[in-house]
């Protein structure tokens, strides 16, 4: 059974930092590209960042470039999202997604991030 389990969300003040983790099980993690998405209330889910299966390539949404960093540890089957200089508009439920070379995809259940003073 494939599972993606996110953790690390919470309440943080503007300008603060959080580190999200997503641990995968039941799949060959090292062949999956991994992504973080987010969805704010009333808005569509949007892509935040993607990392290739080896970690050698990363892409980011313009809204988070220079503030967020995606990384992975294939030995731990885990992908991370380091979020710095957080803004209220970063408030959302954050989801991780795994995508195989044949486009098989799996989603985590999400973790809430709230940026507020």
N, C-alpha and C. Protein backbone atom coordinates (compact mmCIF):
# COMPACT_ATOMS: atom_id res chain seq x y z
N UNK A 1 0.85 -1.19 0.00
CA UNK A 1 0.00 0.00 0.00
C UNK A 1 0.89 1.24 0.00
N UNK A 2 0.63 2.12 -0.96
CA UNK A 2 1.42 3.34 -1.06
C UNK A 2 0.89 4.38 -0.09
N UNK A 3 1.81 5.00 0.62
CA UNK A 3 1.44 6.10 1.52
C UNK A 3 2.44 7.23 1.40
N UNK A 4 1.92 8.44 1.36
CA UNK A 4 2.73 9.66 1.47
C UNK A 4 2.19 10.41 2.68
N UNK A 5 3.07 10.66 3.65
CA UNK A 5 2.63 11.26 4.90
C UNK A 5 3.40 12.56 5.13
N UNK A 6 2.66 13.67 5.08
CA UNK A 6 3.27 14.98 5.32
C UNK A 6 3.28 15.31 6.80
N UNK A 7 4.26 16.11 7.19
CA UNK A 7 4.34 16.60 8.56
C UNK A 7 5.09 17.92 8.56
N UNK A 8 5.02 18.63 9.69
CA UNK A 8 5.80 19.84 9.85
C UNK A 8 5.01 21.13 9.71
N UNK A 9 3.73 21.03 9.36
CA UNK A 9 2.93 22.24 9.27
C UNK A 9 2.64 22.84 10.63
N UNK A 10 2.04 24.02 10.62
CA UNK A 10 1.70 24.67 11.87
C UNK A 10 1.43 26.15 11.68
N UNK A 11 1.41 26.85 12.80
CA UNK A 11 1.17 28.30 12.82
C UNK A 11 2.51 29.00 13.01
N UNK A 12 2.78 29.98 12.15
CA UNK A 12 4.04 30.72 12.23
C UNK A 12 3.76 32.18 11.93
N UNK A 13 4.57 33.06 12.50
CA UNK A 13 4.41 34.49 12.25
C UNK A 13 5.01 34.87 10.91
N UNK A 14 4.52 35.95 10.32
CA UNK A 14 5.14 36.43 9.07
C UNK A 14 6.64 36.62 9.26
N UNK A 15 7.40 36.21 8.25
CA UNK A 15 8.85 36.25 8.32
C UNK A 15 9.48 35.01 8.91
N UNK A 16 8.66 34.12 9.43
CA UNK A 16 9.16 32.92 10.07
C UNK A 16 9.49 31.81 9.09
N UNK A 17 9.89 30.67 9.66
CA UNK A 17 10.29 29.53 8.84
C UNK A 17 9.55 28.27 9.29
N UNK A 18 9.38 27.36 8.35
CA UNK A 18 8.88 26.02 8.61
C UNK A 18 9.57 25.06 7.66
N UNK A 19 9.68 23.81 8.09
CA UNK A 19 10.21 22.76 7.23
C UNK A 19 9.19 21.64 7.18
N UNK A 20 8.66 21.40 5.98
CA UNK A 20 7.73 20.32 5.77
C UNK A 20 8.49 19.07 5.35
N UNK A 21 7.96 17.92 5.77
CA UNK A 21 8.52 16.63 5.36
C UNK A 21 7.40 15.79 4.78
N UNK A 22 7.76 14.93 3.86
CA UNK A 22 6.82 13.97 3.28
C UNK A 22 7.55 12.64 3.15
N UNK A 23 7.13 11.69 3.95
CA UNK A 23 7.76 10.37 3.93
C UNK A 23 6.90 9.41 3.13
N UNK A 24 7.53 8.73 2.19
CA UNK A 24 6.84 7.80 1.30
C UNK A 24 7.12 6.36 1.70
N UNK A 25 6.14 5.52 1.48
CA UNK A 25 6.31 4.08 1.69
C UNK A 25 5.50 3.33 0.65
N UNK A 26 5.93 2.10 0.35
CA UNK A 26 5.19 1.27 -0.58
C UNK A 26 5.42 1.56 -2.05
N UNK A 27 6.43 2.36 -2.35
CA UNK A 27 6.76 2.64 -3.74
C UNK A 27 8.28 2.79 -3.88
N UNK A 28 8.79 2.58 -5.11
CA UNK A 28 10.24 2.76 -5.34
C UNK A 28 10.57 4.24 -5.40
N UNK A 29 10.80 4.84 -4.24
CA UNK A 29 10.90 6.29 -4.11
C UNK A 29 11.93 6.88 -5.07
N UNK A 30 13.02 6.17 -5.30
CA UNK A 30 14.11 6.78 -6.06
C UNK A 30 13.85 6.88 -7.55
N UNK A 31 12.68 6.41 -8.03
CA UNK A 31 12.34 6.66 -9.43
C UNK A 31 11.25 7.71 -9.58
N UNK A 32 10.74 8.19 -8.45
CA UNK A 32 9.62 9.13 -8.48
C UNK A 32 10.12 10.57 -8.38
N UNK A 33 9.66 11.42 -9.32
CA UNK A 33 9.79 12.86 -9.11
C UNK A 33 8.79 13.24 -8.02
N UNK A 34 9.18 14.20 -7.20
CA UNK A 34 8.33 14.60 -6.09
C UNK A 34 8.01 16.09 -6.18
N UNK A 35 6.80 16.43 -5.80
CA UNK A 35 6.35 17.83 -5.87
C UNK A 35 5.63 18.21 -4.60
N UNK A 36 5.65 19.49 -4.33
CA UNK A 36 4.79 20.08 -3.30
C UNK A 36 3.78 20.98 -3.99
N UNK A 37 2.54 20.83 -3.59
CA UNK A 37 1.44 21.68 -4.02
C UNK A 37 0.84 22.35 -2.79
N UNK A 38 0.05 23.37 -3.03
CA UNK A 38 -0.70 23.98 -1.93
C UNK A 38 -2.06 24.43 -2.42
N UNK A 39 -2.98 24.49 -1.48
CA UNK A 39 -4.34 24.92 -1.80
C UNK A 39 -4.87 25.79 -0.67
N UNK A 40 -5.14 27.04 -1.01
CA UNK A 40 -5.72 27.97 -0.05
C UNK A 40 -7.24 27.92 -0.19
N UNK A 41 -7.96 28.31 0.86
CA UNK A 41 -9.43 28.27 0.79
C UNK A 41 -9.98 29.06 -0.39
N UNK A 42 -10.87 28.41 -1.15
CA UNK A 42 -11.51 29.08 -2.28
C UNK A 42 -10.66 29.16 -3.54
N UNK A 43 -9.45 28.62 -3.48
CA UNK A 43 -8.56 28.68 -4.63
C UNK A 43 -8.23 27.28 -5.13
N UNK A 44 -7.73 27.24 -6.37
CA UNK A 44 -7.31 25.96 -6.93
C UNK A 44 -5.97 25.52 -6.35
N UNK A 45 -5.74 24.23 -6.36
CA UNK A 45 -4.45 23.71 -5.93
C UNK A 45 -3.38 24.17 -6.91
N UNK A 46 -2.25 24.64 -6.38
CA UNK A 46 -1.20 25.14 -7.24
C UNK A 46 0.12 24.44 -6.94
N UNK A 47 0.92 24.30 -8.00
CA UNK A 47 2.24 23.69 -7.86
C UNK A 47 3.20 24.68 -7.23
N UNK A 48 3.91 24.21 -6.20
CA UNK A 48 4.87 25.06 -5.50
C UNK A 48 6.30 24.75 -5.94
N UNK A 49 6.66 23.47 -5.96
CA UNK A 49 8.03 23.09 -6.30
C UNK A 49 8.06 21.62 -6.70
N UNK A 50 9.04 21.29 -7.54
CA UNK A 50 9.24 19.92 -8.00
C UNK A 50 10.72 19.60 -7.95
N UNK A 51 11.02 18.34 -7.63
CA UNK A 51 12.40 17.86 -7.63
C UNK A 51 12.45 16.54 -8.40
N UNK A 52 13.47 16.38 -9.21
CA UNK A 52 13.61 15.16 -9.99
C UNK A 52 13.93 13.97 -9.09
N UNK A 53 13.89 12.78 -9.66
CA UNK A 53 14.08 11.58 -8.85
C UNK A 53 15.46 11.51 -8.21
N UNK A 54 16.46 12.08 -8.88
CA UNK A 54 17.82 12.07 -8.32
C UNK A 54 18.10 13.29 -7.46
N UNK A 55 17.23 14.28 -7.52
CA UNK A 55 17.48 15.53 -6.82
C UNK A 55 18.31 16.51 -7.60
N UNK A 56 18.67 16.15 -8.82
CA UNK A 56 19.55 17.00 -9.60
C UNK A 56 18.87 18.18 -10.27
N UNK A 57 17.55 18.18 -10.29
CA UNK A 57 16.81 19.25 -10.95
C UNK A 57 15.64 19.68 -10.07
N UNK A 58 15.49 20.99 -9.93
CA UNK A 58 14.38 21.53 -9.15
C UNK A 58 13.73 22.69 -9.91
N UNK A 59 12.45 22.87 -9.70
CA UNK A 59 11.73 24.01 -10.26
C UNK A 59 10.81 24.58 -9.18
N UNK A 60 10.52 25.88 -9.31
CA UNK A 60 9.72 26.57 -8.31
C UNK A 60 8.70 27.49 -8.96
N UNK A 61 7.59 27.67 -8.27
CA UNK A 61 6.66 28.72 -8.66
C UNK A 61 7.32 30.08 -8.42
N UNK A 62 6.97 31.05 -9.25
CA UNK A 62 7.57 32.38 -9.10
C UNK A 62 7.31 32.97 -7.72
N UNK A 63 6.17 32.64 -7.16
CA UNK A 63 5.76 33.23 -5.88
C UNK A 63 6.63 32.76 -4.71
N UNK A 64 7.38 31.68 -4.88
CA UNK A 64 8.18 31.15 -3.77
C UNK A 64 9.67 31.13 -4.07
N UNK A 65 10.07 31.49 -5.27
CA UNK A 65 11.49 31.47 -5.63
C UNK A 65 12.30 32.35 -4.69
N UNK A 66 13.42 31.80 -4.25
CA UNK A 66 14.28 32.55 -3.34
C UNK A 66 13.89 32.43 -1.89
N UNK A 67 12.70 31.88 -1.60
CA UNK A 67 12.24 31.71 -0.22
C UNK A 67 12.10 30.24 0.17
N UNK A 68 11.69 29.41 -0.76
CA UNK A 68 11.45 27.99 -0.49
C UNK A 68 12.53 27.15 -1.17
N UNK A 69 12.87 26.03 -0.54
CA UNK A 69 13.82 25.09 -1.11
C UNK A 69 13.28 23.67 -0.97
N UNK A 70 13.20 22.97 -2.10
CA UNK A 70 12.79 21.56 -2.08
C UNK A 70 14.05 20.70 -2.12
N UNK A 71 14.02 19.62 -1.36
CA UNK A 71 15.15 18.69 -1.34
C UNK A 71 14.62 17.29 -1.03
N UNK A 72 15.48 16.30 -1.18
CA UNK A 72 15.04 14.93 -0.91
C UNK A 72 16.20 14.11 -0.39
N UNK A 73 15.86 13.07 0.35
CA UNK A 73 16.82 12.10 0.85
C UNK A 73 16.29 10.73 0.44
N UNK A 74 16.85 10.18 -0.62
CA UNK A 74 16.34 8.90 -1.13
C UNK A 74 16.60 7.74 -0.17
N UNK A 75 17.59 7.89 0.68
CA UNK A 75 17.86 6.83 1.67
C UNK A 75 16.77 6.78 2.74
N UNK A 76 16.09 7.92 2.93
CA UNK A 76 15.02 8.00 3.92
C UNK A 76 13.63 8.06 3.29
N UNK A 77 13.57 7.95 1.96
CA UNK A 77 12.28 8.02 1.24
C UNK A 77 11.50 9.27 1.63
N UNK A 78 12.19 10.38 1.73
CA UNK A 78 11.58 11.61 2.23
C UNK A 78 11.92 12.80 1.35
N UNK A 79 10.93 13.64 1.13
CA UNK A 79 11.12 14.91 0.44
C UNK A 79 10.78 16.03 1.43
N UNK A 80 11.52 17.13 1.30
CA UNK A 80 11.37 18.24 2.23
C UNK A 80 11.01 19.53 1.49
N UNK A 81 10.41 20.45 2.21
CA UNK A 81 10.20 21.79 1.71
C UNK A 81 10.58 22.77 2.82
N UNK A 82 11.71 23.41 2.65
CA UNK A 82 12.16 24.44 3.59
C UNK A 82 11.53 25.75 3.17
N UNK A 83 10.79 26.36 4.09
CA UNK A 83 10.06 27.59 3.78
C UNK A 83 10.57 28.70 4.67
N UNK A 84 11.18 29.70 4.06
CA UNK A 84 11.70 30.85 4.79
C UNK A 84 10.93 32.11 4.41
N UNK A 85 11.08 33.13 5.22
CA UNK A 85 10.44 34.43 4.95
C UNK A 85 8.96 34.25 4.62
N UNK A 86 8.27 33.51 5.44
CA UNK A 86 6.87 33.18 5.15
C UNK A 86 5.99 34.42 5.19
N UNK A 87 4.99 34.42 4.31
CA UNK A 87 4.05 35.52 4.18
C UNK A 87 2.64 35.01 4.46
N UNK A 88 1.73 35.90 4.84
CA UNK A 88 0.34 35.45 5.06
C UNK A 88 -0.25 34.76 3.83
N UNK A 89 0.16 35.17 2.65
CA UNK A 89 -0.37 34.54 1.43
C UNK A 89 0.16 33.15 1.19
N UNK A 90 1.10 32.70 2.01
CA UNK A 90 1.56 31.31 1.93
C UNK A 90 0.64 30.37 2.71
N UNK A 91 -0.31 30.92 3.42
CA UNK A 91 -1.25 30.10 4.19
C UNK A 91 -2.04 29.19 3.26
N UNK A 92 -2.00 27.90 3.54
CA UNK A 92 -2.65 26.90 2.69
C UNK A 92 -2.46 25.53 3.30
N UNK A 93 -3.16 24.56 2.73
CA UNK A 93 -2.84 23.15 2.99
C UNK A 93 -1.80 22.74 1.96
N UNK A 94 -0.72 22.17 2.43
CA UNK A 94 0.38 21.76 1.57
C UNK A 94 0.34 20.24 1.38
N UNK A 95 0.44 19.84 0.12
CA UNK A 95 0.38 18.42 -0.25
C UNK A 95 1.65 18.00 -0.97
N UNK A 96 2.10 16.80 -0.73
CA UNK A 96 3.17 16.26 -1.57
C UNK A 96 2.57 15.27 -2.57
N UNK A 97 3.23 15.18 -3.70
CA UNK A 97 2.81 14.29 -4.78
C UNK A 97 4.01 13.58 -5.35
N UNK A 98 3.85 12.28 -5.60
CA UNK A 98 4.89 11.52 -6.27
C UNK A 98 4.43 11.15 -7.68
N UNK A 99 5.33 11.28 -8.65
CA UNK A 99 5.01 10.97 -10.04
C UNK A 99 6.07 10.03 -10.60
N UNK A 100 5.63 8.88 -11.11
CA UNK A 100 6.58 7.92 -11.68
C UNK A 100 6.87 8.28 -13.14
N UNK A 101 7.87 7.64 -13.74
CA UNK A 101 8.17 7.90 -15.17
C UNK A 101 7.01 7.57 -16.10
N UNK A 102 6.10 6.69 -15.67
CA UNK A 102 4.93 6.38 -16.50
C UNK A 102 3.71 7.16 -16.01
N UNK A 103 3.97 8.24 -15.26
CA UNK A 103 2.93 9.20 -14.83
C UNK A 103 1.94 8.63 -13.84
N UNK A 104 2.31 7.58 -13.14
CA UNK A 104 1.49 7.12 -12.02
C UNK A 104 1.72 8.09 -10.87
N UNK A 105 0.65 8.56 -10.26
CA UNK A 105 0.78 9.59 -9.23
C UNK A 105 0.12 9.18 -7.93
N UNK A 106 0.71 9.69 -6.85
CA UNK A 106 0.17 9.47 -5.52
C UNK A 106 0.23 10.79 -4.76
N UNK A 107 -0.76 11.00 -3.90
CA UNK A 107 -0.86 12.22 -3.10
C UNK A 107 -0.85 11.90 -1.61
N UNK A 108 -0.29 12.82 -0.85
CA UNK A 108 -0.42 12.77 0.59
C UNK A 108 -1.73 13.40 1.04
N UNK A 109 -1.95 13.38 2.35
CA UNK A 109 -3.23 13.86 2.88
C UNK A 109 -3.21 15.35 3.18
N UNK A 110 -2.02 15.96 3.17
CA UNK A 110 -1.92 17.40 3.37
C UNK A 110 -1.56 17.78 4.79
N UNK A 111 -0.91 18.93 4.92
CA UNK A 111 -0.59 19.50 6.23
C UNK A 111 -0.86 21.01 6.16
N UNK A 112 -1.49 21.52 7.20
CA UNK A 112 -1.89 22.93 7.21
C UNK A 112 -0.73 23.82 7.61
N UNK A 113 -0.54 24.88 6.82
CA UNK A 113 0.42 25.93 7.16
C UNK A 113 -0.35 27.24 7.28
N UNK A 114 -0.23 27.88 8.42
CA UNK A 114 -0.91 29.15 8.65
C UNK A 114 0.13 30.19 9.04
N UNK A 115 0.17 31.28 8.28
CA UNK A 115 1.10 32.37 8.55
C UNK A 115 0.28 33.58 9.02
N UNK A 116 0.43 33.90 10.28
CA UNK A 116 -0.38 34.96 10.86
C UNK A 116 0.27 35.50 12.12
N UNK A 117 0.07 36.79 12.36
CA UNK A 117 0.58 37.39 13.58
C UNK A 117 -0.50 37.36 14.66
